[in-house]
Amino acid sequence: MSMIESTSVMNEVPTPQKEKKFTGKHFLISILSFFGVIIGMNVAFIYFATNTWTGLSKENAYVDGLNYNQTIEAAKIQKDLNWQSSLDLETVGTQKLISFVLKDADNQNLSGFDVTVKVGRPTLQGYDQTLVLAESSQGKYEAAVDLPLDGQWHVSLSATSPTGTPFKLEKRFFVK
């Protein structure tokens, strides 16, 4: 290519391109799209909020709130007792077994307690059950439990000594 040819290529006038205008039609489509996405997300949030909420986690939450100082005091008394406990979920054949052991500060098994447990799903109602654990050996309390679904289960244990001393324990188990 010679010098004259290259100069003429550089001096060519570009062809004018058609100018794009933002019209009222474009504005209407933009506004409708924007609000359509916002309304769609709100509808989705409302659907999931109303269809996944199972209700109150506690029936007497207000009363528990009023008794909060007593709850803290009871927890302090329980800690001062220095009792050791274990709460286990064992599989025996096709059955699940809740096992609870309670020992005093001297590592001696504590016997004669009335022990009840409330077992339920933390996120799903309808599978809650209350069981009374029987003392199978000194200081060991057990009961068979039916857990029909895999996943997380919440256990709230309440034990009362023959002298009336309360003991509470909460634990979650994952069932496969």
C-alpha atoms as a PDB file:
ATOM      1  CA  MET A   1       0.000   0.000   0.000  1.00  0.00           C
ATOM      2  CA  SER A   2       1.420   3.353  -0.936  1.00  0.00           C
ATOM      3  CA  MET A   3       1.362   6.546   1.033  1.00  0.00           C
ATOM      4  CA  ILE A   4      -1.384   8.062  -1.083  1.00  0.00           C
ATOM      5  CA  GLU A   5      -3.728   5.106  -0.640  1.00  0.00           C
ATOM      6  CA  SER A   6      -3.284   4.999   3.103  1.00  0.00           C
ATOM      7  CA  THR A   7      -4.057   8.718   3.402  1.00  0.00           C
ATOM      8  CA  SER A   8      -7.268   8.399   1.473  1.00  0.00           C
ATOM      9  CA  VAL A   9      -8.433   5.547   3.695  1.00  0.00           C
ATOM     10  CA  MET A  10      -7.841   7.677   6.782  1.00  0.00           C
ATOM     11  CA  ASN A  11      -9.763  10.620   5.391  1.00  0.00           C
ATOM     12  CA  GLU A  12     -12.923   8.680   4.662  1.00  0.00           C
ATOM     13  CA  VAL A  13     -15.997  10.047   6.361  1.00  0.00           C
ATOM     14  CA  PRO A  14     -17.690   7.447   8.541  1.00  0.00           C
ATOM     15  CA  THR A  15     -21.226   6.617   7.620  1.00  0.00           C
ATOM     16  CA  PRO A  16     -23.656   8.104  10.117  1.00  0.00           C
ATOM     17  CA  GLN A  17     -25.287   5.475  12.302  1.00  0.00           C
ATOM     18  CA  LYS A  18     -28.913   5.607  13.128  1.00  0.00           C
ATOM     19  CA  GLU A  19     -29.330   7.389  16.479  1.00  0.00           C
ATOM     20  CA  LYS A  20     -31.201   5.387  19.148  1.00  0.00           C
ATOM     21  CA  LYS A  21     -33.804   7.390  20.981  1.00  0.00           C
ATOM     22  CA  PHE A  22     -35.188   6.651  24.438  1.00  0.00           C
ATOM     23  CA  THR A  23     -38.888   6.903  23.828  1.00  0.00           C
ATOM     24  CA  GLY A  24     -41.926   6.734  26.061  1.00  0.00           C
ATOM     25  CA  LYS A  25     -42.347   3.086  25.109  1.00  0.00           C
ATOM     26  CA  HIS A  26     -38.848   2.304  26.456  1.00  0.00           C
ATOM     27  CA  PHE A  27     -39.589   4.242  29.646  1.00  0.00           C
ATOM     28  CA  LEU A  28     -42.869   2.359  30.194  1.00  0.00           C
ATOM     29  CA  ILE A  29     -41.187  -1.013  29.698  1.00  0.00           C
ATOM     30  CA  SER A  30     -38.387  -0.050  32.115  1.00  0.00           C
ATOM     31  CA  ILE A  31     -40.787   1.119  34.838  1.00  0.00           C
ATOM     32  CA  LEU A  32     -43.068  -1.912  34.451  1.00  0.00           C
ATOM     33  CA  SER A  33     -40.066  -4.278  34.560  1.00  0.00           C
ATOM     34  CA  PHE A  34     -38.656  -2.591  37.668  1.00  0.00           C
ATOM     35  CA  PHE A  35     -41.915  -2.709  39.608  1.00  0.00           C
ATOM     36  CA  GLY A  36     -42.685  -6.207  38.288  1.00  0.00           C
ATOM     37  CA  VAL A  37     -39.470  -7.515  39.849  1.00  0.00           C
ATOM     38  CA  ILE A  38     -40.179  -5.692  43.146  1.00  0.00           C
ATOM     39  CA  ILE A  39     -43.759  -6.965  43.341  1.00  0.00           C
ATOM     40  CA  GLY A  40     -42.665 -10.501  42.369  1.00  0.00           C
ATOM     41  CA  MET A  41     -40.070 -10.583  45.148  1.00  0.00           C
ATOM     42  CA  ASN A  42     -42.591  -9.269  47.694  1.00  0.00           C
ATOM     43  CA  VAL A  43     -45.094 -11.954  46.686  1.00  0.00           C
ATOM     44  CA  ALA A  44     -42.377 -14.615  47.058  1.00  0.00           C
ATOM     45  CA  PHE A  45     -41.388 -13.280  50.513  1.00  0.00           C
ATOM     46  CA  ILE A  46     -45.015 -13.224  51.659  1.00  0.00           C
ATOM     47  CA  TYR A  47     -45.566 -16.770  50.402  1.00  0.00           C
ATOM     48  CA  PHE A  48     -42.496 -18.170  52.176  1.00  0.00           C
ATOM     49  CA  ALA A  49     -43.204 -16.198  55.363  1.00  0.00           C
ATOM     50  CA  THR A  50     -46.765 -17.472  55.671  1.00  0.00           C
ATOM     51  CA  ASN A  51     -46.174 -21.069  54.539  1.00  0.00           C
ATOM     52  CA  THR A  52     -42.978 -21.916  56.421  1.00  0.00           C
ATOM     53  CA  TRP A  53     -43.750 -20.418  59.847  1.00  0.00           C
ATOM     54  CA  THR A  54     -44.997 -23.135  62.161  1.00  0.00           C
ATOM     55  CA  GLY A  55     -46.189 -20.861  64.940  1.00  0.00           C
ATOM     56  CA  LEU A  56     -44.931 -20.050  68.385  1.00  0.00           C
ATOM     57  CA  SER A  57     -41.993 -22.051  69.650  1.00  0.00           C
ATOM     58  CA  LYS A  58     -43.369 -21.836  73.200  1.00  0.00           C
ATOM     59  CA  GLU A  59     -46.974 -21.522  74.238  1.00  0.00           C
ATOM     60  CA  ASN A  60     -46.184 -19.495  77.351  1.00  0.00           C
ATOM     61  CA  ALA A  61     -43.331 -17.296  76.103  1.00  0.00           C
ATOM     62  CA  TYR A  62     -44.796 -14.189  77.728  1.00  0.00           C
ATOM     63  CA  VAL A  63     -44.965 -15.819  81.175  1.00  0.00           C
ATOM     64  CA  ASP A  64     -41.431 -17.185  80.706  1.00  0.00           C
ATOM     65  CA  GLY A  65     -40.277 -13.651  79.998  1.00  0.00           C
ATOM     66  CA  LEU A  66     -41.894 -12.394  83.181  1.00  0.00           C
ATOM     67  CA  ASN A  67     -40.195 -15.170  85.163  1.00  0.00           C
ATOM     68  CA  TYR A  68     -36.778 -14.584  83.604  1.00  0.00           C
ATOM     69  CA  ASN A  69     -35.062 -13.650  86.890  1.00  0.00           C
ATOM     70  CA  GLN A  70     -36.333 -16.840  88.537  1.00  0.00           C
ATOM     71  CA  THR A  71     -35.025 -18.840  85.570  1.00  0.00           C
ATOM     72  CA  ILE A  72     -31.576 -17.276  85.951  1.00  0.00           C
ATOM     73  CA  GLU A  73     -31.604 -17.985  89.711  1.00  0.00           C
ATOM     74  CA  ALA A  74     -32.609 -21.632  89.142  1.00  0.00           C
ATOM     75  CA  ALA A  75     -29.768 -22.035  86.618  1.00  0.00           C
ATOM     76  CA  LYS A  76     -27.297 -20.605  89.149  1.00  0.00           C
ATOM     77  CA  ILE A  77     -28.508 -22.997  91.869  1.00  0.00           C
ATOM     78  CA  GLN A  78     -28.217 -25.924  89.449  1.00  0.00           C
ATOM     79  CA  LYS A  79     -24.659 -24.901  88.532  1.00  0.00           C
ATOM     80  CA  ASP A  80     -23.712 -24.610  92.223  1.00  0.00           C
ATOM     81  CA  LEU A  81     -24.851 -28.218  92.822  1.00  0.00           C
ATOM     82  CA  ASN A  82     -21.994 -29.295  90.512  1.00  0.00           C
ATOM     83  CA  TRP A  83     -23.920 -32.316  89.246  1.00  0.00           C
ATOM     84  CA  GLN A  84     -22.687 -34.045  86.103  1.00  0.00           C
ATOM     85  CA  SER A  85     -25.132 -35.365  83.581  1.00  0.00           C
ATOM     86  CA  SER A  86     -25.208 -37.085  80.236  1.00  0.00           C
ATOM     87  CA  LEU A  87     -28.118 -37.303  77.842  1.00  0.00           C
ATOM     88  CA  ASP A  88     -27.711 -39.675  74.911  1.00  0.00           C
ATOM     89  CA  LEU A  89     -29.787 -41.006  72.047  1.00  0.00           C
ATOM     90  CA  GLU A  90     -28.880 -44.596  71.276  1.00  0.00           C
ATOM     91  CA  THR A  91     -30.050 -46.916  68.520  1.00  0.00           C
ATOM     92  CA  VAL A  92     -30.979 -50.391  69.717  1.00  0.00           C
ATOM     93  CA  GLY A  93     -32.003 -52.476  66.730  1.00  0.00           C
ATOM     94  CA  THR A  94     -34.693 -50.471  64.950  1.00  0.00           C
ATOM     95  CA  GLN A  95     -35.639 -48.543  68.070  1.00  0.00           C
ATOM     96  CA  LYS A  96     -34.239 -45.308  69.522  1.00  0.00           C
ATOM     97  CA  LEU A  97     -33.526 -45.092  73.249  1.00  0.00           C
ATOM     98  CA  ILE A  98     -33.091 -41.910  75.297  1.00  0.00           C
ATOM     99  CA  SER A  99     -30.642 -42.466  78.120  1.00  0.00           C
ATOM    100  CA  PHE A 100     -29.949 -40.024  80.987  1.00  0.00           C
ATOM    101  CA  VAL A 101     -27.351 -40.391  83.732  1.00  0.00           C
ATOM    102  CA  LEU A 102     -27.051 -37.992  86.669  1.00  0.00           C
ATOM    103  CA  LYS A 103     -24.153 -37.923  89.144  1.00  0.00           C
ATOM    104  CA  ASP A 104     -23.477 -35.718  92.138  1.00  0.00           C
ATOM    105  CA  ALA A 105     -20.309 -33.687  92.836  1.00  0.00           C
ATOM    106  CA  ASP A 106     -18.627 -36.836  94.264  1.00  0.00           C
ATOM    107  CA  ASN A 107     -19.323 -38.762  91.026  1.00  0.00           C
ATOM    108  CA  GLN A 108     -21.982 -40.944  92.693  1.00  0.00           C
ATOM    109  CA  ASN A 109     -25.093 -41.850  90.695  1.00  0.00           C
ATOM    110  CA  LEU A 110     -28.227 -40.044  91.874  1.00  0.00           C
ATOM    111  CA  SER A 111     -31.274 -42.248  92.242  1.00  0.00           C
ATOM    112  CA  GLY A 112     -35.001 -41.799  92.805  1.00  0.00           C
ATOM    113  CA  PHE A 113     -35.563 -38.841  90.444  1.00  0.00           C
ATOM    114  CA  ASP A 114     -38.760 -38.228  88.500  1.00  0.00           C
ATOM    115  CA  VAL A 115     -37.514 -37.626  84.947  1.00  0.00           C
ATOM    116  CA  THR A 116     -39.578 -36.431  82.001  1.00  0.00           C
ATOM    117  CA  VAL A 117     -38.451 -35.368  78.539  1.00  0.00           C
ATOM    118  CA  LYS A 118     -40.173 -33.410  75.816  1.00  0.00           C
ATOM    119  CA  VAL A 119     -38.981 -34.434  72.375  1.00  0.00           C
ATOM    120  CA  GLY A 120     -39.820 -32.466  69.254  1.00  0.00           C
ATOM    121  CA  ARG A 121     -38.626 -30.984  66.023  1.00  0.00           C
ATOM    122  CA  PRO A 122     -37.303 -27.417  66.389  1.00  0.00           C
ATOM    123  CA  THR A 123     -38.802 -26.327  63.068  1.00  0.00           C
ATOM    124  CA  LEU A 124     -41.824 -28.589  62.610  1.00  0.00           C
ATOM    125  CA  GLN A 125     -44.810 -29.077  64.851  1.00  0.00           C
ATOM    126  CA  GLY A 126     -46.892 -32.214  65.071  1.00  0.00           C
ATOM    127  CA  TYR A 127     -44.178 -34.636  66.169  1.00  0.00           C
ATOM    128  CA  ASP A 128     -43.837 -33.450  69.789  1.00  0.00           C
ATOM    129  CA  GLN A 129     -44.022 -36.092  72.482  1.00  0.00           C
ATOM    130  CA  THR A 130     -43.562 -36.231  76.243  1.00  0.00           C
ATOM    131  CA  LEU A 131     -41.935 -39.277  77.797  1.00  0.00           C
ATOM    132  CA  VAL A 132     -41.327 -40.413  81.367  1.00  0.00           C
ATOM    133  CA  LEU A 133     -37.904 -41.981  81.787  1.00  0.00           C
ATOM    134  CA  ALA A 134     -37.781 -45.019  84.069  1.00  0.00           C
ATOM    135  CA  GLU A 135     -34.760 -45.791  86.228  1.00  0.00           C
ATOM    136  CA  SER A 136     -33.182 -48.868  84.612  1.00  0.00           C
ATOM    137  CA  SER A 137     -30.243 -49.005  87.034  1.00  0.00           C
ATOM    138  CA  GLN A 138     -29.074 -46.755  89.846  1.00  0.00           C
ATOM    139  CA  GLY A 139     -28.825 -43.220  88.437  1.00  0.00           C
ATOM    140  CA  LYS A 140     -29.587 -44.260  84.840  1.00  0.00           C
ATOM    141  CA  TYR A 141     -32.962 -43.365  83.345  1.00  0.00           C
ATOM    142  CA  GLU A 142     -34.177 -44.638  79.964  1.00  0.00           C
ATOM    143  CA  ALA A 143     -37.174 -44.685  77.648  1.00  0.00           C
ATOM    144  CA  ALA A 144     -37.839 -45.823  74.099  1.00  0.00           C
ATOM    145  CA  VAL A 145     -38.751 -43.022  71.700  1.00  0.00           C
ATOM    146  CA  ASP A 146     -40.270 -43.003  68.219  1.00  0.00           C
ATOM    147  CA  LEU A 147     -38.526 -40.504  65.923  1.00  0.00           C
ATOM    148  CA  PRO A 148     -40.247 -40.945  62.547  1.00  0.00           C
ATOM    149  CA  LEU A 149     -38.227 -38.323  60.644  1.00  0.00           C
ATOM    150  CA  ASP A 150     -34.545 -37.887  59.978  1.00  0.00           C
ATOM    151  CA  GLY A 151     -33.004 -34.582  60.966  1.00  0.00           C
ATOM    152  CA  GLN A 152     -32.663 -32.486  64.077  1.00  0.00           C
ATOM    153  CA  TRP A 153     -34.623 -33.225  67.269  1.00  0.00           C
ATOM    154  CA  HIS A 154     -34.747 -31.099  70.418  1.00  0.00           C
ATOM    155  CA  VAL A 155     -34.922 -32.734  73.849  1.00  0.00           C
ATOM    156  CA  SER A 156     -35.910 -30.799  77.007  1.00  0.00           C
ATOM    157  CA  LEU A 157     -35.312 -32.821  80.147  1.00  0.00           C
ATOM    158  CA  SER A 158     -36.744 -32.055  83.561  1.00  0.00           C
ATOM    159  CA  ALA A 159     -35.765 -34.081  86.623  1.00  0.00           C
ATOM    160  CA  THR A 160     -36.898 -33.651  90.223  1.00  0.00           C
ATOM    161  CA  SER A 161     -35.111 -35.244  93.158  1.00  0.00           C
ATOM    162  CA  PRO A 162     -37.013 -36.963  95.988  1.00  0.00           C
ATOM    163  CA  THR A 163     -36.349 -33.819  98.086  1.00  0.00           C
ATOM    164  CA  GLY A 164     -37.773 -31.559  95.366  1.00  0.00           C
ATOM    165  CA  THR A 165     -34.517 -30.239  93.878  1.00  0.00           C
ATOM    166  CA  PRO A 166     -35.091 -29.533  90.172  1.00  0.00           C
ATOM    167  CA  PHE A 167     -32.635 -30.268  87.358  1.00  0.00           C
ATOM    168  CA  LYS A 168     -33.124 -29.147  83.743  1.00  0.00           C
ATOM    169  CA  LEU A 169     -31.187 -29.981  80.609  1.00  0.00           C
ATOM    170  CA  GLU A 170     -31.689 -29.261  76.929  1.00  0.00           C
ATOM    171  CA  LYS A 171     -29.918 -30.929  74.029  1.00  0.00           C
ATOM    172  CA  ARG A 172     -30.318 -31.404  70.288  1.00  0.00           C
ATOM    173  CA  PHE A 173     -29.733 -34.618  68.398  1.00  0.00           C
ATOM    174  CA  PHE A 174     -29.329 -35.254  64.692  1.00  0.00           C
ATOM    175  CA  VAL A 175     -31.044 -38.455  63.559  1.00  0.00           C
ATOM    176  CA  LYS A 176     -29.990 -40.150  60.319  1.00  0.00           C
END
